[in-house]
Amino acid sequence: MTTPERTVEARLCKRVRDNGGEAYKFVSPSRRGVPDRLVLYPVPPEYQALVANYVRFVEVKAPGKKPNAEQTREHEKLFKMGFAVDVVDA
């Protein structure tokens, strides 16, 4: 009997979290064949500016709207890991 994919994915996520990272489920409705997970580990401070040139997280909001509490928590988690998070509302 083979191991179900969900079991393999759960093991991956646990290992990543145990090592200080996050394993986000990655879904891109307009693109087929994208990988299942986006794995992020904390970026050392001396590399954060460099990483910000290549990786940015962007929250898109309607004009004048702000991220909700859940979104703000995620943004803060990513920021603490050394990633840039932008909120665009215009």
PDB file of N, CA and C in Angstrom:
ATOM      1  N   MET A   1       0.850  -1.187   0.000  1.00  0.00           N
ATOM      2  CA  MET A   1       0.000   0.000   0.000  1.00  0.00           C
ATOM      3  C   MET A   1       0.894   1.248   0.000  1.00  0.00           C
ATOM      4  N   THR A   2       0.568   2.190  -0.834  1.00  0.00           N
ATOM      5  CA  THR A   2       1.383   3.407  -0.916  1.00  0.00           C
ATOM      6  C   THR A   2       0.882   4.455   0.071  1.00  0.00           C
ATOM      7  N   THR A   3       1.757   5.355   0.415  1.00  0.00           N
ATOM      8  CA  THR A   3       1.413   6.439   1.334  1.00  0.00           C
ATOM      9  C   THR A   3       0.596   7.486   0.585  1.00  0.00           C
ATOM     10  N   PRO A   4      -0.547   7.903   1.131  1.00  0.00           N
ATOM     11  CA  PRO A   4      -1.350   8.930   0.463  1.00  0.00           C
ATOM     12  C   PRO A   4      -0.596  10.266   0.391  1.00  0.00           C
ATOM     13  N   GLU A   5      -0.858  11.013  -0.652  1.00  0.00           N
ATOM     14  CA  GLU A   5      -0.201  12.310  -0.849  1.00  0.00           C
ATOM     15  C   GLU A   5      -0.443  13.236   0.339  1.00  0.00           C
ATOM     16  N   ARG A   6      -1.639  13.221   0.913  1.00  0.00           N
ATOM     17  CA  ARG A   6      -1.931  14.109   2.049  1.00  0.00           C
ATOM     18  C   ARG A   6      -1.035  13.804   3.244  1.00  0.00           C
ATOM     19  N   THR A   7      -0.663  12.527   3.412  1.00  0.00           N
ATOM     20  CA  THR A   7       0.234  12.141   4.503  1.00  0.00           C
ATOM     21  C   THR A   7       1.640  12.689   4.249  1.00  0.00           C
ATOM     22  N   VAL A   8       2.102  12.565   3.022  1.00  0.00           N
ATOM     23  CA  VAL A   8       3.418  13.094   2.652  1.00  0.00           C
ATOM     24  C   VAL A   8       3.428  14.609   2.845  1.00  0.00           C
ATOM     25  N   GLU A   9       2.359  15.269   2.424  1.00  0.00           N
ATOM     26  CA  GLU A   9       2.266  16.721   2.560  1.00  0.00           C
ATOM     27  C   GLU A   9       2.248  17.141   4.030  1.00  0.00           C
ATOM     28  N   ALA A  10       1.526  16.418   4.860  1.00  0.00           N
ATOM     29  CA  ALA A  10       1.476  16.726   6.294  1.00  0.00           C
ATOM     30  C   ALA A  10       2.853  16.563   6.926  1.00  0.00           C
ATOM     31  N   ARG A  11       3.585  15.536   6.540  1.00  0.00           N
ATOM     32  CA  ARG A  11       4.945  15.333   7.060  1.00  0.00           C
ATOM     33  C   ARG A  11       5.859  16.484   6.644  1.00  0.00           C
ATOM     34  N   LEU A  12       5.747  16.873   5.373  1.00  0.00           N
ATOM     35  CA  LEU A  12       6.546  17.997   4.888  1.00  0.00           C
ATOM     36  C   LEU A  12       6.273  19.252   5.709  1.00  0.00           C
ATOM     37  N   CYS A  13       5.002  19.578   5.890  1.00  0.00           N
ATOM     38  CA  CYS A  13       4.620  20.788   6.626  1.00  0.00           C
ATOM     39  C   CYS A  13       5.143  20.751   8.056  1.00  0.00           C
ATOM     40  N   LYS A  14       5.063  19.607   8.695  1.00  0.00           N
ATOM     41  CA  LYS A  14       5.556  19.478  10.073  1.00  0.00           C
ATOM     42  C   LYS A  14       7.056  19.690  10.120  1.00  0.00           C
ATOM     43  N   ARG A  15       7.784  19.069   9.195  1.00  0.00           N
ATOM     44  CA  ARG A  15       9.240  19.231   9.163  1.00  0.00           C
ATOM     45  C   ARG A  15       9.638  20.689   8.954  1.00  0.00           C
ATOM     46  N   VAL A  16       8.952  21.340   8.044  1.00  0.00           N
ATOM     47  CA  VAL A  16       9.256  22.748   7.764  1.00  0.00           C
ATOM     48  C   VAL A  16       9.002  23.590   9.009  1.00  0.00           C
ATOM     49  N   ARG A  17       7.836  23.415   9.649  1.00  0.00           N
ATOM     50  CA  ARG A  17       7.517  24.172  10.877  1.00  0.00           C
ATOM     51  C   ARG A  17       8.510  23.870  11.994  1.00  0.00           C
ATOM     52  N   ASP A  18       8.878  22.600  12.135  1.00  0.00           N
ATOM     53  CA  ASP A  18       9.845  22.203  13.170  1.00  0.00           C
ATOM     54  C   ASP A  18      11.202  22.874  12.959  1.00  0.00           C
ATOM     55  N   ASN A  19      11.490  23.269  11.723  1.00  0.00           N
ATOM     56  CA  ASN A  19      12.757  23.915  11.397  1.00  0.00           C
ATOM     57  C   ASN A  19      12.612  25.428  11.227  1.00  0.00           C
ATOM     58  N   GLY A  20      11.510  25.981  11.764  1.00  0.00           N
ATOM     59  CA  GLY A  20      11.336  27.433  11.784  1.00  0.00           C
ATOM     60  C   GLY A  20      10.737  28.053  10.544  1.00  0.00           C
ATOM     61  N   GLY A  21      10.242  27.250   9.634  1.00  0.00           N
ATOM     62  CA  GLY A  21       9.688  27.774   8.391  1.00  0.00           C
ATOM     63  C   GLY A  21       8.174  27.676   8.330  1.00  0.00           C
ATOM     64  N   GLU A  22       7.656  28.048   7.189  1.00  0.00           N
ATOM     65  CA  GLU A  22       6.226  27.958   6.887  1.00  0.00           C
ATOM     66  C   GLU A  22       6.072  27.278   5.530  1.00  0.00           C
ATOM     67  N   ALA A  23       5.056  26.449   5.408  1.00  0.00           N
ATOM     68  CA  ALA A  23       4.768  25.765   4.147  1.00  0.00           C
ATOM     69  C   ALA A  23       3.347  26.130   3.731  1.00  0.00           C
ATOM     70  N   TYR A  24       3.237  27.163   2.941  1.00  0.00           N
ATOM     71  CA  TYR A  24       1.930  27.652   2.500  1.00  0.00           C
ATOM     72  C   TYR A  24       1.401  26.809   1.351  1.00  0.00           C
ATOM     73  N   LYS A  25       0.112  26.501   1.396  1.00  0.00           N
ATOM     74  CA  LYS A  25      -0.548  25.833   0.275  1.00  0.00           C
ATOM     75  C   LYS A  25      -0.569  26.826  -0.872  1.00  0.00           C
ATOM     76  N   PHE A  26      -0.137  26.400  -2.024  1.00  0.00           N
ATOM     77  CA  PHE A  26      -0.032  27.301  -3.170  1.00  0.00           C
ATOM     78  C   PHE A  26      -1.067  26.907  -4.205  1.00  0.00           C
ATOM     79  N   VAL A  27      -1.962  27.836  -4.525  1.00  0.00           N
ATOM     80  CA  VAL A  27      -3.015  27.600  -5.512  1.00  0.00           C
ATOM     81  C   VAL A  27      -2.998  28.762  -6.487  1.00  0.00           C
ATOM     82  N   SER A  28      -3.000  28.449  -7.753  1.00  0.00           N
ATOM     83  CA  SER A  28      -3.039  29.484  -8.780  1.00  0.00           C
ATOM     84  C   SER A  28      -4.079  29.072  -9.816  1.00  0.00           C
ATOM     85  N   PRO A  29      -5.324  29.537  -9.628  1.00  0.00           N
ATOM     86  CA  PRO A  29      -6.410  29.095 -10.508  1.00  0.00           C
ATOM     87  C   PRO A  29      -6.159  29.354 -12.001  1.00  0.00           C
ATOM     88  N   SER A  30      -5.393  30.383 -12.322  1.00  0.00           N
ATOM     89  CA  SER A  30      -5.190  30.712 -13.732  1.00  0.00           C
ATOM     90  C   SER A  30      -3.992  29.985 -14.349  1.00  0.00           C
ATOM     91  N   ARG A  31      -3.251  29.217 -13.541  1.00  0.00           N
ATOM     92  CA  ARG A  31      -2.086  28.482 -14.050  1.00  0.00           C
ATOM     93  C   ARG A  31      -2.161  27.038 -13.611  1.00  0.00           C
ATOM     94  N   ARG A  32      -2.095  26.168 -14.569  1.00  0.00           N
ATOM     95  CA  ARG A  32      -2.107  24.740 -14.264  1.00  0.00           C
ATOM     96  C   ARG A  32      -0.686  24.263 -14.010  1.00  0.00           C
ATOM     97  N   GLY A  33      -0.550  23.253 -13.178  1.00  0.00           N
ATOM     98  CA  GLY A  33       0.739  22.616 -12.974  1.00  0.00           C
ATOM     99  C   GLY A  33       1.662  23.283 -11.967  1.00  0.00           C
ATOM    100  N   VAL A  34       1.167  24.276 -11.220  1.00  0.00           N
ATOM    101  CA  VAL A  34       2.039  24.914 -10.227  1.00  0.00           C
ATOM    102  C   VAL A  34       2.290  23.949  -9.069  1.00  0.00           C
ATOM    103  N   PRO A  35       3.420  24.099  -8.364  1.00  0.00           N
ATOM    104  CA  PRO A  35       3.704  23.221  -7.226  1.00  0.00           C
ATOM    105  C   PRO A  35       2.645  23.353  -6.132  1.00  0.00           C
ATOM    106  N   ASP A  36       2.577  22.356  -5.260  1.00  0.00           N
ATOM    107  CA  ASP A  36       1.565  22.306  -4.198  1.00  0.00           C
ATOM    108  C   ASP A  36       1.848  23.245  -3.033  1.00  0.00           C
ATOM    109  N   ARG A  37       3.123  23.436  -2.689  1.00  0.00           N
ATOM    110  CA  ARG A  37       3.484  24.200  -1.495  1.00  0.00           C
ATOM    111  C   ARG A  37       4.558  25.231  -1.804  1.00  0.00           C
ATOM    112  N   LEU A  38       4.501  26.334  -1.089  1.00  0.00           N
ATOM    113  CA  LEU A  38       5.534  27.361  -1.113  1.00  0.00           C
ATOM    114  C   LEU A  38       6.198  27.300   0.258  1.00  0.00           C
ATOM    115  N   VAL A  39       7.452  26.884   0.298  1.00  0.00           N
ATOM    116  CA  VAL A  39       8.169  26.707   1.560  1.00  0.00           C
ATOM    117  C   VAL A  39       9.076  27.911   1.784  1.00  0.00           C
ATOM    118  N   LEU A  40       8.918  28.534   2.951  1.00  0.00           N
ATOM    119  CA  LEU A  40       9.702  29.719   3.304  1.00  0.00           C
ATOM    120  C   LEU A  40      10.425  29.475   4.626  1.00  0.00           C
ATOM    121  N   TYR A  41      11.672  29.864   4.661  1.00  0.00           N
ATOM    122  CA  TYR A  41      12.452  29.845   5.898  1.00  0.00           C
ATOM    123  C   TYR A  41      12.877  31.273   6.199  1.00  0.00           C
ATOM    124  N   PRO A  42      13.116  31.589   7.481  1.00  0.00           N
ATOM    125  CA  PRO A  42      13.539  32.935   7.827  1.00  0.00           C
ATOM    126  C   PRO A  42      14.784  33.351   7.041  1.00  0.00           C
ATOM    127  N   VAL A  43      14.778  34.614   6.618  1.00  0.00           N
ATOM    128  CA  VAL A  43      15.890  35.173   5.859  1.00  0.00           C
ATOM    129  C   VAL A  43      16.821  35.878   6.844  1.00  0.00           C
ATOM    130  N   PRO A  44      18.108  35.538   6.837  1.00  0.00           N
ATOM    131  CA  PRO A  44      19.038  36.237   7.726  1.00  0.00           C
ATOM    132  C   PRO A  44      19.013  37.743   7.446  1.00  0.00           C
ATOM    133  N   PRO A  45      19.130  38.555   8.490  1.00  0.00           N
ATOM    134  CA  PRO A  45      19.044  40.015   8.316  1.00  0.00           C
ATOM    135  C   PRO A  45      19.941  40.565   7.216  1.00  0.00           C
ATOM    136  N   GLU A  46      21.141  40.031   7.087  1.00  0.00           N
ATOM    137  CA  GLU A  46      22.065  40.576   6.079  1.00  0.00           C
ATOM    138  C   GLU A  46      21.630  40.296   4.642  1.00  0.00           C
ATOM    139  N   TYR A  47      20.644  39.417   4.446  1.00  0.00           N
ATOM    140  CA  TYR A  47      20.160  39.104   3.100  1.00  0.00           C
ATOM    141  C   TYR A  47      18.747  39.628   2.830  1.00  0.00           C
ATOM    142  N   GLN A  48      18.101  40.230   3.802  1.00  0.00           N
ATOM    143  CA  GLN A  48      16.713  40.645   3.637  1.00  0.00           C
ATOM    144  C   GLN A  48      16.528  41.662   2.509  1.00  0.00           C
ATOM    145  N   ALA A  49      17.415  42.635   2.391  1.00  0.00           N
ATOM    146  CA  ALA A  49      17.289  43.622   1.310  1.00  0.00           C
ATOM    147  C   ALA A  49      17.443  42.959  -0.049  1.00  0.00           C
ATOM    148  N   LEU A  50      18.357  42.032  -0.149  1.00  0.00           N
ATOM    149  CA  LEU A  50      18.558  41.315  -1.411  1.00  0.00           C
ATOM    150  C   LEU A  50      17.324  40.499  -1.768  1.00  0.00           C
ATOM    151  N   VAL A  51      16.807  39.746  -0.801  1.00  0.00           N
ATOM    152  CA  VAL A  51      15.620  38.920  -1.043  1.00  0.00           C
ATOM    153  C   VAL A  51      14.438  39.797  -1.455  1.00  0.00           C
ATOM    154  N   ALA A  52      14.302  40.972  -0.834  1.00  0.00           N
ATOM    155  CA  ALA A  52      13.183  41.879  -1.156  1.00  0.00           C
ATOM    156  C   ALA A  52      13.223  42.342  -2.604  1.00  0.00           C
ATOM    157  N   ASN A  53      14.390  42.281  -3.241  1.00  0.00           N
ATOM    158  CA  ASN A  53      14.478  42.632  -4.662  1.00  0.00           C
ATOM    159  C   ASN A  53      13.865  41.561  -5.557  1.00  0.00           C
ATOM    160  N   TYR A  54      13.714  40.354  -5.024  1.00  0.00           N
ATOM    161  CA  TYR A  54      13.253  39.233  -5.836  1.00  0.00           C
ATOM    162  C   TYR A  54      11.951  38.604  -5.368  1.00  0.00           C
ATOM    163  N   VAL A  55      11.646  38.720  -4.082  1.00  0.00           N
ATOM    164  CA  VAL A  55      10.441  38.102  -3.525  1.00  0.00           C
ATOM    165  C   VAL A  55       9.688  39.154  -2.730  1.00  0.00           C
ATOM    166  N   ARG A  56       8.433  39.374  -3.087  1.00  0.00           N
ATOM    167  CA  ARG A  56       7.584  40.305  -2.338  1.00  0.00           C
ATOM    168  C   ARG A  56       6.204  39.681  -2.253  1.00  0.00           C
ATOM    169  N   PHE A  57       5.575  39.874  -1.123  1.00  0.00           N
ATOM    170  CA  PHE A  57       4.189  39.453  -0.947  1.00  0.00           C
ATOM    171  C   PHE A  57       3.342  40.703  -1.056  1.00  0.00           C
ATOM    172  N   VAL A  58       2.260  40.623  -1.806  1.00  0.00           N
ATOM    173  CA  VAL A  58       1.417  41.791  -2.045  1.00  0.00           C
ATOM    174  C   VAL A  58      -0.030  41.447  -1.711  1.00  0.00           C
ATOM    175  N   GLU A  59      -0.603  42.247  -0.826  1.00  0.00           N
ATOM    176  CA  GLU A  59      -2.025  42.152  -0.474  1.00  0.00           C
ATOM    177  C   GLU A  59      -2.743  43.234  -1.269  1.00  0.00           C
ATOM    178  N   VAL A  60      -3.710  42.846  -2.083  1.00  0.00           N
ATOM    179  CA  VAL A  60      -4.466  43.804  -2.895  1.00  0.00           C
ATOM    180  C   VAL A  60      -5.802  44.063  -2.221  1.00  0.00           C
ATOM    181  N   LYS A  61      -6.091  45.339  -1.982  1.00  0.00           N
ATOM    182  CA  LYS A  61      -7.327  45.752  -1.322  1.00  0.00           C
ATOM    183  C   LYS A  61      -8.042  46.790  -2.194  1.00  0.00           C
ATOM    184  N   ALA A  62      -9.334  46.917  -1.997  1.00  0.00           N
ATOM    185  CA  ALA A  62     -10.095  47.977  -2.655  1.00  0.00           C
ATOM    186  C   ALA A  62      -9.596  49.326  -2.123  1.00  0.00           C
ATOM    187  N   PRO A  63      -9.726  50.396  -2.907  1.00  0.00           N
ATOM    188  CA  PRO A  63      -9.252  51.703  -2.456  1.00  0.00           C
ATOM    189  C   PRO A  63      -9.781  52.075  -1.071  1.00  0.00           C
ATOM    190  N   GLY A  64      -8.858  52.447  -0.189  1.00  0.00           N
ATOM    191  CA  GLY A  64      -9.216  52.868   1.158  1.00  0.00           C
ATOM    192  C   GLY A  64      -9.432  51.741   2.153  1.00  0.00           C
ATOM    193  N   LYS A  65      -9.451  50.505   1.693  1.00  0.00           N
ATOM    194  CA  LYS A  65      -9.663  49.358   2.591  1.00  0.00           C
ATOM    195  C   LYS A  65      -8.330  48.913   3.186  1.00  0.00           C
ATOM    196  N   LYS A  66      -8.407  48.313   4.360  1.00  0.00           N
ATOM    197  CA  LYS A  66      -7.225  47.843   5.078  1.00  0.00           C
ATOM    198  C   LYS A  66      -7.308  46.331   5.268  1.00  0.00           C
ATOM    199  N   PRO A  67      -6.174  45.668   5.460  1.00  0.00           N
ATOM    200  CA  PRO A  67      -6.196  44.230   5.733  1.00  0.00           C
ATOM    201  C   PRO A  67      -6.940  43.937   7.038  1.00  0.00           C
ATOM    202  N   ASN A  68      -7.631  42.797   7.074  1.00  0.00           N
ATOM    203  CA  ASN A  68      -8.320  42.399   8.301  1.00  0.00           C
ATOM    204  C   ASN A  68      -7.303  41.829   9.297  1.00  0.00           C
ATOM    205  N   ALA A  69      -7.762  41.487  10.483  1.00  0.00           N
ATOM    206  CA  ALA A  69      -6.867  41.039  11.552  1.00  0.00           C
ATOM    207  C   ALA A  69      -6.095  39.779  11.160  1.00  0.00           C
ATOM    208  N   GLU A  70      -6.766  38.841  10.522  1.00  0.00           N
ATOM    209  CA  GLU A  70      -6.110  37.598  10.110  1.00  0.00           C
ATOM    210  C   GLU A  70      -5.008  37.879   9.082  1.00  0.00           C
ATOM    211  N   GLN A  71      -5.313  38.746   8.115  1.00  0.00           N
ATOM    212  CA  GLN A  71      -4.316  39.109   7.111  1.00  0.00           C
ATOM    213  C   GLN A  71      -3.142  39.835   7.758  1.00  0.00           C
ATOM    214  N   THR A  72      -3.431  40.740   8.676  1.00  0.00           N
ATOM    215  CA  THR A  72      -2.375  41.484   9.368  1.00  0.00           C
ATOM    216  C   THR A  72      -1.459  40.537  10.133  1.00  0.00           C
ATOM    217  N   ARG A  73      -2.021  39.529  10.780  1.00  0.00           N
ATOM    218  CA  ARG A  73      -1.201  38.535  11.498  1.00  0.00           C
ATOM    219  C   ARG A  73      -0.260  37.812  10.538  1.00  0.00           C
ATOM    220  N   GLU A  74      -0.780  37.412   9.374  1.00  0.00           N
ATOM    221  CA  GLU A  74       0.065  36.728   8.386  1.00  0.00           C
ATOM    222  C   GLU A  74       1.155  37.653   7.871  1.00  0.00           C
ATOM    223  N   HIS A  75       0.797  38.901   7.609  1.00  0.00           N
ATOM    224  CA  HIS A  75       1.788  39.870   7.131  1.00  0.00           C
ATOM    225  C   HIS A  75       2.903  40.027   8.161  1.00  0.00           C
ATOM    226  N   GLU A  76       2.526  40.124   9.427  1.00  0.00           N
ATOM    227  CA  GLU A  76       3.519  40.278  10.498  1.00  0.00           C
ATOM    228  C   GLU A  76       4.413  39.039  10.596  1.00  0.00           C
ATOM    229  N   LYS A  77       3.828  37.857  10.437  1.00  0.00           N
ATOM    230  CA  LYS A  77       4.614  36.620  10.480  1.00  0.00           C
ATOM    231  C   LYS A  77       5.646  36.615   9.354  1.00  0.00           C
ATOM    232  N   LEU A  78       5.211  36.973   8.147  1.00  0.00           N
ATOM    233  CA  LEU A  78       6.130  37.015   7.009  1.00  0.00           C
ATOM    234  C   LEU A  78       7.211  38.072   7.214  1.00  0.00           C
ATOM    235  N   PHE A  79       6.817  39.239   7.735  1.00  0.00           N
ATOM    236  CA  PHE A  79       7.767  40.319   7.983  1.00  0.00           C
ATOM    237  C   PHE A  79       8.824  39.865   8.996  1.00  0.00           C
ATOM    238  N   LYS A  80       8.394  39.188  10.060  1.00  0.00           N
ATOM    239  CA  LYS A  80       9.332  38.700  11.069  1.00  0.00           C
ATOM    240  C   LYS A  80      10.295  37.661  10.496  1.00  0.00           C
ATOM    241  N   MET A  81       9.860  36.955   9.447  1.00  0.00           N
ATOM    242  CA  MET A  81      10.722  35.980   8.781  1.00  0.00           C
ATOM    243  C   MET A  81      11.693  36.663   7.815  1.00  0.00           C
ATOM    244  N   GLY A  82      11.505  37.982   7.611  1.00  0.00           N
ATOM    245  CA  GLY A  82      12.424  38.728   6.758  1.00  0.00           C
ATOM    246  C   GLY A  82      11.930  39.002   5.357  1.00  0.00           C
ATOM    247  N   PHE A  83      10.635  38.823   5.113  1.00  0.00           N
ATOM    248  CA  PHE A  83      10.081  39.067   3.782  1.00  0.00           C
ATOM    249  C   PHE A  83       9.365  40.402   3.725  1.00  0.00           C
ATOM    250  N   ALA A  84       9.357  40.997   2.551  1.00  0.00           N
ATOM    251  CA  ALA A  84       8.646  42.252   2.332  1.00  0.00           C
ATOM    252  C   ALA A  84       7.177  41.950   2.052  1.00  0.00           C
ATOM    253  N   VAL A  85       6.291  42.711   2.691  1.00  0.00           N
ATOM    254  CA  VAL A  85       4.848  42.574   2.463  1.00  0.00           C
ATOM    255  C   VAL A  85       4.308  43.967   2.159  1.00  0.00           C
ATOM    256  N   ASP A  86       3.703  44.106   1.001  1.00  0.00           N
ATOM    257  CA  ASP A  86       3.119  45.375   0.580  1.00  0.00           C
ATOM    258  C   ASP A  86       1.605  45.265   0.555  1.00  0.00           C
ATOM    259  N   VAL A  87       0.930  46.355   0.877  1.00  0.00           N
ATOM    260  CA  VAL A  87      -0.521  46.423   0.748  1.00  0.00           C
ATOM    261  C   VAL A  87      -0.808  47.479  -0.308  1.00  0.00           C
ATOM    262  N   VAL A  88      -1.493  47.069  -1.370  1.00  0.00           N
ATOM    263  CA  VAL A  88      -1.790  47.962  -2.484  1.00  0.00           C
ATOM    264  C   VAL A  88      -3.295  48.171  -2.539  1.00  0.00           C
ATOM    265  N   ASP A  89      -3.708  49.451  -2.479  1.00  0.00           N
ATOM    266  CA  ASP A  89      -5.144  49.737  -2.507  1.00  0.00           C
ATOM    267  C   ASP A  89      -5.502  50.763  -3.579  1.00  0.00           C
ATOM    268  N   ALA A  90      -4.639  50.989  -4.514  1.00  0.00           N
ATOM    269  CA  ALA A  90      -4.955  51.946  -5.594  1.00  0.00           C
ATOM    270  C   ALA A  90      -4.255  51.540  -6.859  1.00  0.00           C
TER     271      ALA A  90
END
